[in-house]
Amino acid sequence: MMVEEKLIAPCGLYCGWCPYYLVGTKEFSCPGCWERKKCNIRDCAKSKGLKLCTFCPEFPCEKLYKMYRDMEKFLDEIKRDFPDGIKLD
């Protein structure tokens, strides 16, 4: 499997595996972290000239802890929006 660098989010997630990136829904599709209009973590890393948060002297920061604390909600949203998973050709 080929990993696209532009789909590696600063937080450590890989957008290329996310169903919102891969197929989206009628209500929401995501172009990936580096292309989204707003992402607090990406914007912070970008302002420091970083591609990955792990290179930041403040790692791990409260922004990352909050994002990962909210991960359960994100996974529940995936389960709700893609109850049968997704099919890729």
N, C-alpha and C. Protein backbone atom coordinates (compact mmCIF):
# COMPACT_ATOMS: atom_id res chain seq x y z
N MET A 1 0.85 -1.17 0.00
CA MET A 1 0.00 0.00 0.00
C MET A 1 0.90 1.24 0.00
N MET A 2 0.55 2.18 -0.85
CA MET A 2 1.29 3.43 -0.96
C MET A 2 0.71 4.44 0.02
N VAL A 3 1.56 5.05 0.82
CA VAL A 3 1.12 6.07 1.76
C VAL A 3 1.45 7.43 1.16
N GLU A 4 0.43 8.29 1.06
CA GLU A 4 0.64 9.62 0.53
C GLU A 4 0.98 10.58 1.67
N GLU A 5 2.13 11.22 1.58
CA GLU A 5 2.58 12.12 2.64
C GLU A 5 1.58 13.22 2.93
N LYS A 6 0.91 13.75 1.90
CA LYS A 6 -0.04 14.84 2.11
C LYS A 6 -1.26 14.41 2.92
N LEU A 7 -1.44 13.10 3.09
CA LEU A 7 -2.58 12.60 3.86
C LEU A 7 -2.20 12.23 5.29
N ILE A 8 -0.95 12.47 5.67
CA ILE A 8 -0.54 12.25 7.05
C ILE A 8 -0.80 13.54 7.82
N ALA A 9 -1.72 13.48 8.76
CA ALA A 9 -2.07 14.66 9.55
C ALA A 9 -1.01 14.88 10.63
N PRO A 10 -0.79 16.13 11.03
CA PRO A 10 0.20 16.41 12.08
C PRO A 10 -0.06 15.65 13.38
N CYS A 11 -1.33 15.37 13.67
CA CYS A 11 -1.69 14.69 14.90
C CYS A 11 -1.30 13.22 14.89
N GLY A 12 -1.00 12.68 13.71
CA GLY A 12 -0.61 11.28 13.62
C GLY A 12 -1.63 10.41 12.91
N LEU A 13 -2.82 10.92 12.65
CA LEU A 13 -3.82 10.14 11.92
C LEU A 13 -3.47 10.13 10.44
N TYR A 14 -3.95 9.11 9.74
CA TYR A 14 -3.74 9.04 8.29
C TYR A 14 -5.08 9.23 7.60
N CYS A 15 -5.27 10.39 6.99
CA CYS A 15 -6.54 10.75 6.35
C CYS A 15 -6.92 9.75 5.25
N GLY A 16 -5.94 9.13 4.63
CA GLY A 16 -6.20 8.18 3.54
C GLY A 16 -6.96 6.93 3.97
N TRP A 17 -7.12 6.71 5.26
CA TRP A 17 -7.88 5.58 5.77
C TRP A 17 -9.24 5.98 6.30
N CYS A 18 -9.54 7.26 6.29
CA CYS A 18 -10.79 7.76 6.88
C CYS A 18 -11.93 7.68 5.88
N PRO A 19 -13.08 7.11 6.29
CA PRO A 19 -14.21 7.01 5.36
C PRO A 19 -14.74 8.38 4.92
N TYR A 20 -14.59 9.39 5.74
CA TYR A 20 -15.04 10.73 5.33
C TYR A 20 -14.17 11.27 4.21
N TYR A 21 -12.91 10.88 4.19
CA TYR A 21 -12.03 11.26 3.09
C TYR A 21 -12.28 10.37 1.87
N LEU A 22 -12.38 9.07 2.10
CA LEU A 22 -12.50 8.12 1.00
C LEU A 22 -13.80 8.22 0.23
N VAL A 23 -14.93 8.29 0.93
CA VAL A 23 -16.23 8.33 0.24
C VAL A 23 -17.12 9.46 0.70
N GLY A 24 -16.95 9.94 1.91
CA GLY A 24 -17.79 11.02 2.43
C GLY A 24 -19.25 10.63 2.56
N THR A 25 -20.05 11.58 2.98
CA THR A 25 -21.50 11.41 3.07
C THR A 25 -22.14 12.56 2.32
N LYS A 26 -23.46 12.55 2.21
CA LYS A 26 -24.15 13.68 1.57
C LYS A 26 -23.89 14.97 2.35
N GLU A 27 -23.78 14.86 3.67
CA GLU A 27 -23.62 16.02 4.53
C GLU A 27 -22.17 16.47 4.68
N PHE A 28 -21.22 15.54 4.58
CA PHE A 28 -19.85 15.91 4.89
C PHE A 28 -18.85 15.00 4.17
N SER A 29 -17.89 15.63 3.56
CA SER A 29 -16.73 14.90 3.06
C SER A 29 -15.52 15.75 3.41
N CYS A 30 -14.41 15.11 3.65
CA CYS A 30 -13.22 15.81 4.12
C CYS A 30 -12.13 15.70 3.06
N PRO A 31 -11.49 16.80 2.72
CA PRO A 31 -10.42 16.76 1.73
C PRO A 31 -9.06 16.35 2.33
N GLY A 32 -9.04 16.05 3.61
CA GLY A 32 -7.78 15.75 4.29
C GLY A 32 -7.35 16.94 5.12
N CYS A 33 -6.59 16.66 6.14
CA CYS A 33 -6.21 17.69 7.12
C CYS A 33 -5.55 18.91 6.49
N TRP A 34 -4.62 18.68 5.57
CA TRP A 34 -3.86 19.81 5.01
C TRP A 34 -4.70 20.66 4.06
N GLU A 35 -5.86 20.15 3.64
CA GLU A 35 -6.73 20.90 2.72
C GLU A 35 -7.97 21.47 3.39
N ARG A 36 -8.25 21.05 4.61
CA ARG A 36 -9.44 21.55 5.32
C ARG A 36 -9.33 23.04 5.56
N LYS A 37 -10.48 23.70 5.67
CA LYS A 37 -10.47 25.14 5.95
C LYS A 37 -9.92 25.43 7.33
N LYS A 38 -10.30 24.62 8.31
CA LYS A 38 -9.89 24.87 9.69
C LYS A 38 -9.55 23.57 10.38
N CYS A 39 -8.42 23.56 11.02
CA CYS A 39 -8.01 22.45 11.88
C CYS A 39 -7.05 23.04 12.90
N ASN A 40 -7.45 23.09 14.15
CA ASN A 40 -6.62 23.72 15.19
C ASN A 40 -5.24 23.09 15.30
N ILE A 41 -5.18 21.78 15.23
CA ILE A 41 -3.90 21.10 15.38
C ILE A 41 -3.03 21.36 14.15
N ARG A 42 -3.59 21.22 12.97
CA ARG A 42 -2.83 21.48 11.74
C ARG A 42 -2.35 22.93 11.71
N ASP A 43 -3.24 23.86 12.06
CA ASP A 43 -2.88 25.28 12.05
C ASP A 43 -1.75 25.58 13.02
N CYS A 44 -1.76 24.93 14.17
CA CYS A 44 -0.71 25.11 15.16
C CYS A 44 0.63 24.58 14.62
N ALA A 45 0.60 23.36 14.09
CA ALA A 45 1.83 22.77 13.54
C ALA A 45 2.36 23.61 12.39
N LYS A 46 1.47 24.03 11.52
CA LYS A 46 1.87 24.84 10.37
C LYS A 46 2.52 26.15 10.82
N SER A 47 1.96 26.77 11.87
CA SER A 47 2.50 28.04 12.35
C SER A 47 3.91 27.88 12.92
N LYS A 48 4.24 26.64 13.31
CA LYS A 48 5.57 26.35 13.85
C LYS A 48 6.49 25.73 12.80
N GLY A 49 5.99 25.63 11.55
CA GLY A 49 6.79 25.06 10.48
C GLY A 49 6.98 23.56 10.59
N LEU A 50 6.01 22.88 11.23
CA LEU A 50 6.12 21.44 11.46
C LEU A 50 5.12 20.67 10.61
N LYS A 51 5.49 19.46 10.22
CA LYS A 51 4.56 18.58 9.52
C LYS A 51 3.95 17.57 10.48
N LEU A 52 4.65 17.28 11.58
CA LEU A 52 4.16 16.33 12.58
C LEU A 52 4.33 16.93 13.97
N CYS A 53 3.32 16.76 14.78
CA CYS A 53 3.34 17.29 16.14
C CYS A 53 4.46 16.68 16.99
N THR A 54 4.86 15.47 16.65
CA THR A 54 5.88 14.81 17.46
C THR A 54 7.22 15.54 17.43
N PHE A 55 7.42 16.43 16.48
CA PHE A 55 8.66 17.21 16.40
C PHE A 55 8.57 18.50 17.21
N CYS A 56 7.43 18.78 17.80
CA CYS A 56 7.23 20.01 18.56
C CYS A 56 7.80 19.84 19.98
N PRO A 57 8.50 20.85 20.49
CA PRO A 57 9.03 20.75 21.86
C PRO A 57 7.92 20.70 22.91
N GLU A 58 6.71 21.11 22.55
CA GLU A 58 5.57 21.09 23.48
C GLU A 58 4.77 19.78 23.40
N PHE A 59 5.21 18.84 22.56
CA PHE A 59 4.51 17.57 22.39
C PHE A 59 4.62 16.73 23.65
N PRO A 60 3.53 16.11 24.07
CA PRO A 60 2.16 16.24 23.61
C PRO A 60 1.50 17.43 24.31
N CYS A 61 0.68 18.13 23.59
CA CYS A 61 0.05 19.33 24.13
C CYS A 61 -1.43 19.10 24.44
N GLU A 62 -2.04 20.07 25.05
CA GLU A 62 -3.46 19.96 25.41
C GLU A 62 -4.35 19.80 24.18
N LYS A 63 -3.98 20.42 23.05
CA LYS A 63 -4.78 20.27 21.81
C LYS A 63 -4.84 18.80 21.40
N LEU A 64 -3.71 18.12 21.46
CA LEU A 64 -3.68 16.70 21.09
C LEU A 64 -4.44 15.85 22.11
N TYR A 65 -4.23 16.12 23.39
CA TYR A 65 -4.96 15.37 24.41
C TYR A 65 -6.46 15.52 24.22
N LYS A 66 -6.93 16.73 23.93
CA LYS A 66 -8.36 16.96 23.72
C LYS A 66 -8.86 16.19 22.50
N MET A 67 -8.10 16.26 21.40
CA MET A 67 -8.51 15.55 20.19
C MET A 67 -8.64 14.06 20.46
N TYR A 68 -7.65 13.48 21.12
CA TYR A 68 -7.71 12.04 21.38
C TYR A 68 -8.76 11.68 22.43
N ARG A 69 -9.06 12.59 23.37
CA ARG A 69 -10.17 12.35 24.31
C ARG A 69 -11.49 12.31 23.56
N ASP A 70 -11.61 13.11 22.49
CA ASP A 70 -12.84 13.17 21.70
C ASP A 70 -12.90 12.09 20.62
N MET A 71 -11.89 11.24 20.55
CA MET A 71 -11.84 10.21 19.51
C MET A 71 -13.03 9.25 19.59
N GLU A 72 -13.52 8.97 20.79
CA GLU A 72 -14.68 8.08 20.92
C GLU A 72 -15.87 8.66 20.16
N LYS A 73 -16.09 9.95 20.26
CA LYS A 73 -17.18 10.61 19.55
C LYS A 73 -16.99 10.47 18.03
N PHE A 74 -15.76 10.68 17.57
CA PHE A 74 -15.45 10.56 16.14
C PHE A 74 -15.72 9.13 15.65
N LEU A 75 -15.28 8.14 16.40
CA LEU A 75 -15.51 6.75 16.01
C LEU A 75 -16.99 6.40 16.01
N ASP A 76 -17.74 6.95 16.97
CA ASP A 76 -19.19 6.74 16.99
C ASP A 76 -19.85 7.36 15.77
N GLU A 77 -19.35 8.52 15.34
CA GLU A 77 -19.89 9.17 14.13
C GLU A 77 -19.61 8.32 12.89
N ILE A 78 -18.43 7.73 12.81
CA ILE A 78 -18.12 6.84 11.70
C ILE A 78 -19.07 5.65 11.71
N LYS A 79 -19.27 5.07 12.88
CA LYS A 79 -20.18 3.92 12.99
C LYS A 79 -21.60 4.30 12.58
N ARG A 80 -22.04 5.50 12.97
CA ARG A 80 -23.37 5.98 12.62
C ARG A 80 -23.50 6.22 11.11
N ASP A 81 -22.50 6.91 10.53
CA ASP A 81 -22.57 7.30 9.13
C ASP A 81 -22.22 6.19 8.15
N PHE A 82 -21.49 5.18 8.61
CA PHE A 82 -21.07 4.07 7.74
C PHE A 82 -21.35 2.74 8.45
N PRO A 83 -22.63 2.45 8.76
CA PRO A 83 -22.95 1.26 9.55
C PRO A 83 -22.52 -0.06 8.88
N ASP A 84 -22.43 -0.07 7.56
CA ASP A 84 -22.00 -1.27 6.84
C ASP A 84 -20.56 -1.17 6.35
N GLY A 85 -19.83 -0.20 6.88
CA GLY A 85 -18.47 0.03 6.42
C GLY A 85 -18.50 0.70 5.05
N ILE A 86 -17.39 0.66 4.36
CA ILE A 86 -17.34 1.21 3.00
C ILE A 86 -16.74 0.17 2.08
N LYS A 87 -17.07 0.28 0.83
CA LYS A 87 -16.53 -0.65 -0.17
C LYS A 87 -15.64 0.14 -1.11
N LEU A 88 -14.43 -0.33 -1.27
CA LEU A 88 -13.48 0.29 -2.19
C LEU A 88 -13.23 -0.66 -3.35
N ASP A 89 -13.10 -0.12 -4.51
CA ASP A 89 -12.84 -0.97 -5.70
C ASP A 89 -11.43 -1.46 -5.70
